Amino acid sequence: MKNKRILLIRYGLLAAAAAFTVIGLIKQEHLEVWEKAVKICLECIGIG
C-alpha cells in the first residue's frame, strides 16, 4: 500500500513537470530566458 502511494506521487510529479514544460514551450518562455542569459553573459565579459 505504501509503495503504491509513493509511485502515485512520483508519477503525479512527473506528469506535473511535463505539463509545466509543455506550457512554458507553448508560451515561448524559453526565448525570454535565452535572451536574459545572453545579456548577463555579455555583461560579464564587458561587451553589453
PDB file of N, CA and C in Angstrom:
ATOM      1  N   MET A   1       0.818  -1.192   0.000  1.00  0.00           N
ATOM      2  CA  MET A   1       0.000   0.000   0.000  1.00  0.00           C
ATOM      3  C   MET A   1       0.869   1.267   0.000  1.00  0.00           C
ATOM      4  N   LYS A   2       1.929   1.270   0.812  1.00  0.00           N
ATOM      5  CA  LYS A   2       2.803   2.434   0.895  1.00  0.00           C
ATOM      6  C   LYS A   2       3.555   2.623  -0.422  1.00  0.00           C
ATOM      7  N   ASN A   3       4.015   1.525  -1.034  1.00  0.00           N
ATOM      8  CA  ASN A   3       4.732   1.623  -2.308  1.00  0.00           C
ATOM      9  C   ASN A   3       3.828   2.160  -3.402  1.00  0.00           C
ATOM     10  N   LYS A   4       2.554   1.793  -3.351  1.00  0.00           N
ATOM     11  CA  LYS A   4       1.609   2.264  -4.360  1.00  0.00           C
ATOM     12  C   LYS A   4       1.424   3.783  -4.247  1.00  0.00           C
ATOM     13  N   ARG A   5       1.368   4.286  -3.016  1.00  0.00           N
ATOM     14  CA  ARG A   5       1.216   5.723  -2.798  1.00  0.00           C
ATOM     15  C   ARG A   5       2.453   6.469  -3.277  1.00  0.00           C
ATOM     16  N   ILE A   6       3.623   5.929  -3.012  1.00  0.00           N
ATOM     17  CA  ILE A   6       4.866   6.567  -3.445  1.00  0.00           C
ATOM     18  C   ILE A   6       4.936   6.618  -4.967  1.00  0.00           C
ATOM     19  N   LEU A   7       4.561   5.525  -5.628  1.00  0.00           N
ATOM     20  CA  LEU A   7       4.555   5.520  -7.088  1.00  0.00           C
ATOM     21  C   LEU A   7       3.558   6.528  -7.638  1.00  0.00           C
ATOM     22  N   LEU A   8       2.413   6.642  -7.014  1.00  0.00           N
ATOM     23  CA  LEU A   8       1.408   7.600  -7.449  1.00  0.00           C
ATOM     24  C   LEU A   8       1.933   9.024  -7.320  1.00  0.00           C
ATOM     25  N   ILE A   9       2.617   9.315  -6.224  1.00  0.00           N
ATOM     26  CA  ILE A   9       3.195  10.641  -6.023  1.00  0.00           C
ATOM     27  C   ILE A   9       4.285  10.912  -7.063  1.00  0.00           C
ATOM     28  N   ARG A  10       5.130   9.941  -7.315  1.00  0.00           N
ATOM     29  CA  ARG A  10       6.208  10.113  -8.293  1.00  0.00           C
ATOM     30  C   ARG A  10       5.653  10.387  -9.682  1.00  0.00           C
ATOM     31  N   TYR A  11       4.690   9.584 -10.100  1.00  0.00           N
ATOM     32  CA  TYR A  11       4.123   9.766 -11.433  1.00  0.00           C
ATOM     33  C   TYR A  11       3.329  11.069 -11.518  1.00  0.00           C
ATOM     34  N   GLY A  12       2.710  11.463 -10.433  1.00  0.00           N
ATOM     35  CA  GLY A  12       1.996  12.738 -10.411  1.00  0.00           C
ATOM     36  C   GLY A  12       2.943  13.909 -10.582  1.00  0.00           C
ATOM     37  N   LEU A  13       4.068  13.868  -9.877  1.00  0.00           N
ATOM     38  CA  LEU A  13       5.068  14.930 -10.008  1.00  0.00           C
ATOM     39  C   LEU A  13       5.688  14.948 -11.401  1.00  0.00           C
ATOM     40  N   LEU A  14       5.916  13.765 -11.957  1.00  0.00           N
ATOM     41  CA  LEU A  14       6.455  13.681 -13.316  1.00  0.00           C
ATOM     42  C   LEU A  14       5.474  14.269 -14.324  1.00  0.00           C
ATOM     43  N   ALA A  15       4.202  13.961 -14.164  1.00  0.00           N
ATOM     44  CA  ALA A  15       3.181  14.499 -15.061  1.00  0.00           C
ATOM     45  C   ALA A  15       3.072  16.020 -14.914  1.00  0.00           C
ATOM     46  N   ALA A  16       3.148  16.520 -13.693  1.00  0.00           N
ATOM     47  CA  ALA A  16       3.090  17.967 -13.465  1.00  0.00           C
ATOM     48  C   ALA A  16       4.300  18.658 -14.106  1.00  0.00           C
ATOM     49  N   ALA A  17       5.478  18.081 -13.954  1.00  0.00           N
ATOM     50  CA  ALA A  17       6.683  18.665 -14.547  1.00  0.00           C
ATOM     51  C   ALA A  17       6.580  18.690 -16.068  1.00  0.00           C
ATOM     52  N   ALA A  18       6.084  17.614 -16.649  1.00  0.00           N
ATOM     53  CA  ALA A  18       5.918  17.564 -18.102  1.00  0.00           C
ATOM     54  C   ALA A  18       4.887  18.590 -18.566  1.00  0.00           C
ATOM     55  N   ALA A  19       3.814  18.729 -17.817  1.00  0.00           N
ATOM     56  CA  ALA A  19       2.775  19.694 -18.183  1.00  0.00           C
ATOM     57  C   ALA A  19       3.318  21.120 -18.124  1.00  0.00           C
ATOM     58  N   PHE A  20       4.052  21.446 -17.071  1.00  0.00           N
ATOM     59  CA  PHE A  20       4.612  22.793 -16.959  1.00  0.00           C
ATOM     60  C   PHE A  20       5.652  23.061 -18.048  1.00  0.00           C
ATOM     61  N   THR A  21       6.408  22.050 -18.430  1.00  0.00           N
ATOM     62  CA  THR A  21       7.377  22.210 -19.510  1.00  0.00           C
ATOM     63  C   THR A  21       6.672  22.503 -20.821  1.00  0.00           C
ATOM     64  N   VAL A  22       5.624  21.762 -21.100  1.00  0.00           N
ATOM     65  CA  VAL A  22       4.866  21.984 -22.337  1.00  0.00           C
ATOM     66  C   VAL A  22       4.220  23.368 -22.332  1.00  0.00           C
ATOM     67  N   ILE A  23       3.645  23.767 -21.219  1.00  0.00           N
ATOM     68  CA  ILE A  23       3.029  25.103 -21.123  1.00  0.00           C
ATOM     69  C   ILE A  23       4.072  26.190 -21.366  1.00  0.00           C
ATOM     70  N   GLY A  24       5.237  26.042 -20.781  1.00  0.00           N
ATOM     71  CA  GLY A  24       6.311  27.019 -20.984  1.00  0.00           C
ATOM     72  C   GLY A  24       6.760  27.085 -22.431  1.00  0.00           C
ATOM     73  N   LEU A  25       6.831  25.945 -23.101  1.00  0.00           N
ATOM     74  CA  LEU A  25       7.216  25.933 -24.508  1.00  0.00           C
ATOM     75  C   LEU A  25       6.140  26.577 -25.381  1.00  0.00           C
ATOM     76  N   ILE A  26       4.880  26.319 -25.063  1.00  0.00           N
ATOM     77  CA  ILE A  26       3.787  26.916 -25.834  1.00  0.00           C
ATOM     78  C   ILE A  26       3.805  28.439 -25.693  1.00  0.00           C
ATOM     79  N   LYS A  27       4.079  28.925 -24.485  1.00  0.00           N
ATOM     80  CA  LYS A  27       4.109  30.368 -24.235  1.00  0.00           C
ATOM     81  C   LYS A  27       5.436  31.003 -24.663  1.00  0.00           C
ATOM     82  N   GLN A  28       6.343  30.201 -25.171  1.00  0.00           N
ATOM     83  CA  GLN A  28       7.671  30.616 -25.645  1.00  0.00           C
ATOM     84  C   GLN A  28       8.486  31.297 -24.553  1.00  0.00           C
ATOM     85  N   GLU A  29       8.387  30.795 -23.351  1.00  0.00           N
ATOM     86  CA  GLU A  29       9.159  31.341 -22.232  1.00  0.00           C
ATOM     87  C   GLU A  29      10.653  31.054 -22.391  1.00  0.00           C
ATOM     88  N   HIS A  30      10.977  29.991 -23.100  1.00  0.00           N
ATOM     89  CA  HIS A  30      12.389  29.646 -23.269  1.00  0.00           C
ATOM     90  C   HIS A  30      13.144  30.733 -24.030  1.00  0.00           C
ATOM     91  N   LEU A  31      12.458  31.449 -24.910  1.00  0.00           N
ATOM     92  CA  LEU A  31      13.116  32.521 -25.652  1.00  0.00           C
ATOM     93  C   LEU A  31      13.476  33.686 -24.739  1.00  0.00           C
ATOM     94  N   GLU A  32      12.600  33.997 -23.807  1.00  0.00           N
ATOM     95  CA  GLU A  32      12.872  35.082 -22.857  1.00  0.00           C
ATOM     96  C   GLU A  32      14.043  34.715 -21.947  1.00  0.00           C
ATOM     97  N   VAL A  33      14.070  33.490 -21.492  1.00  0.00           N
ATOM     98  CA  VAL A  33      15.175  33.026 -20.647  1.00  0.00           C
ATOM     99  C   VAL A  33      16.485  33.094 -21.421  1.00  0.00           C
ATOM    100  N   TRP A  34      16.450  32.692 -22.682  1.00  0.00           N
ATOM    101  CA  TRP A  34      17.653  32.712 -23.519  1.00  0.00           C
ATOM    102  C   TRP A  34      18.165  34.144 -23.685  1.00  0.00           C
ATOM    103  N   GLU A  35      17.253  35.098 -23.946  1.00  0.00           N
ATOM    104  CA  GLU A  35      17.655  36.495 -24.112  1.00  0.00           C
ATOM    105  C   GLU A  35      18.295  37.039 -22.843  1.00  0.00           C
ATOM    106  N   LYS A  36      17.720  36.731 -21.697  1.00  0.00           N
ATOM    107  CA  LYS A  36      18.284  37.209 -20.433  1.00  0.00           C
ATOM    108  C   LYS A  36      19.657  36.590 -20.179  1.00  0.00           C
ATOM    109  N   ALA A  37      19.814  35.320 -20.515  1.00  0.00           N
ATOM    110  CA  ALA A  37      21.099  34.648 -20.317  1.00  0.00           C
ATOM    111  C   ALA A  37      22.176  35.275 -21.192  1.00  0.00           C
ATOM    112  N   VAL A  38      21.824  35.600 -22.420  1.00  0.00           N
ATOM    113  CA  VAL A  38      22.791  36.238 -23.324  1.00  0.00           C
ATOM    114  C   VAL A  38      23.198  37.605 -22.786  1.00  0.00           C
ATOM    115  N   LYS A  39      22.227  38.387 -22.312  1.00  0.00           N
ATOM    116  CA  LYS A  39      22.538  39.721 -21.775  1.00  0.00           C
ATOM    117  C   LYS A  39      23.459  39.617 -20.564  1.00  0.00           C
ATOM    118  N   ILE A  40      23.166  38.687 -19.677  1.00  0.00           N
ATOM    119  CA  ILE A  40      24.007  38.514 -18.488  1.00  0.00           C
ATOM    120  C   ILE A  40      25.412  38.098 -18.885  1.00  0.00           C
ATOM    121  N   CYS A  41      25.512  37.193 -19.847  1.00  0.00           N
ATOM    122  CA  CYS A  41      26.825  36.715 -20.263  1.00  0.00           C
ATOM    123  C   CYS A  41      27.625  37.843 -20.909  1.00  0.00           C
ATOM    124  N   LEU A  42      26.971  38.633 -21.745  1.00  0.00           N
ATOM    125  CA  LEU A  42      27.677  39.744 -22.382  1.00  0.00           C
ATOM    126  C   LEU A  42      28.105  40.791 -21.362  1.00  0.00           C
ATOM    127  N   GLU A  43      27.311  41.016 -20.328  1.00  0.00           N
ATOM    128  CA  GLU A  43      27.695  41.961 -19.279  1.00  0.00           C
ATOM    129  C   GLU A  43      28.893  41.454 -18.497  1.00  0.00           C
ATOM    130  N   CYS A  44      28.959  40.143 -18.312  1.00  0.00           N
ATOM    131  CA  CYS A  44      30.076  39.578 -17.546  1.00  0.00           C
ATOM    132  C   CYS A  44      31.405  39.797 -18.251  1.00  0.00           C
ATOM    133  N   ILE A  45      31.412  39.701 -19.576  1.00  0.00           N
ATOM    134  CA  ILE A  45      32.675  39.869 -20.282  1.00  0.00           C
ATOM    135  C   ILE A  45      32.904  41.315 -20.726  1.00  0.00           C
ATOM    136  N   GLY A  46      31.960  42.216 -20.374  1.00  0.00           N
ATOM    137  CA  GLY A  46      32.163  43.631 -20.597  1.00  0.00           C
ATOM    138  C   GLY A  46      31.748  44.151 -21.971  1.00  0.00           C
ATOM    139  N   ILE A  47      31.003  43.385 -22.726  1.00  0.00           N
ATOM    140  CA  ILE A  47      30.576  43.855 -24.054  1.00  0.00           C
ATOM    141  C   ILE A  47      29.210  44.550 -23.955  1.00  0.00           C
ATOM    142  N   GLY A  48      28.306  43.996 -23.152  1.00  0.00           N
ATOM    143  CA  GLY A  48      26.937  44.513 -23.100  1.00  0.00           C
ATOM    144  C   GLY A  48      26.840  45.594 -22.124  1.00  0.00           C
TER     145      GLY A  48
END
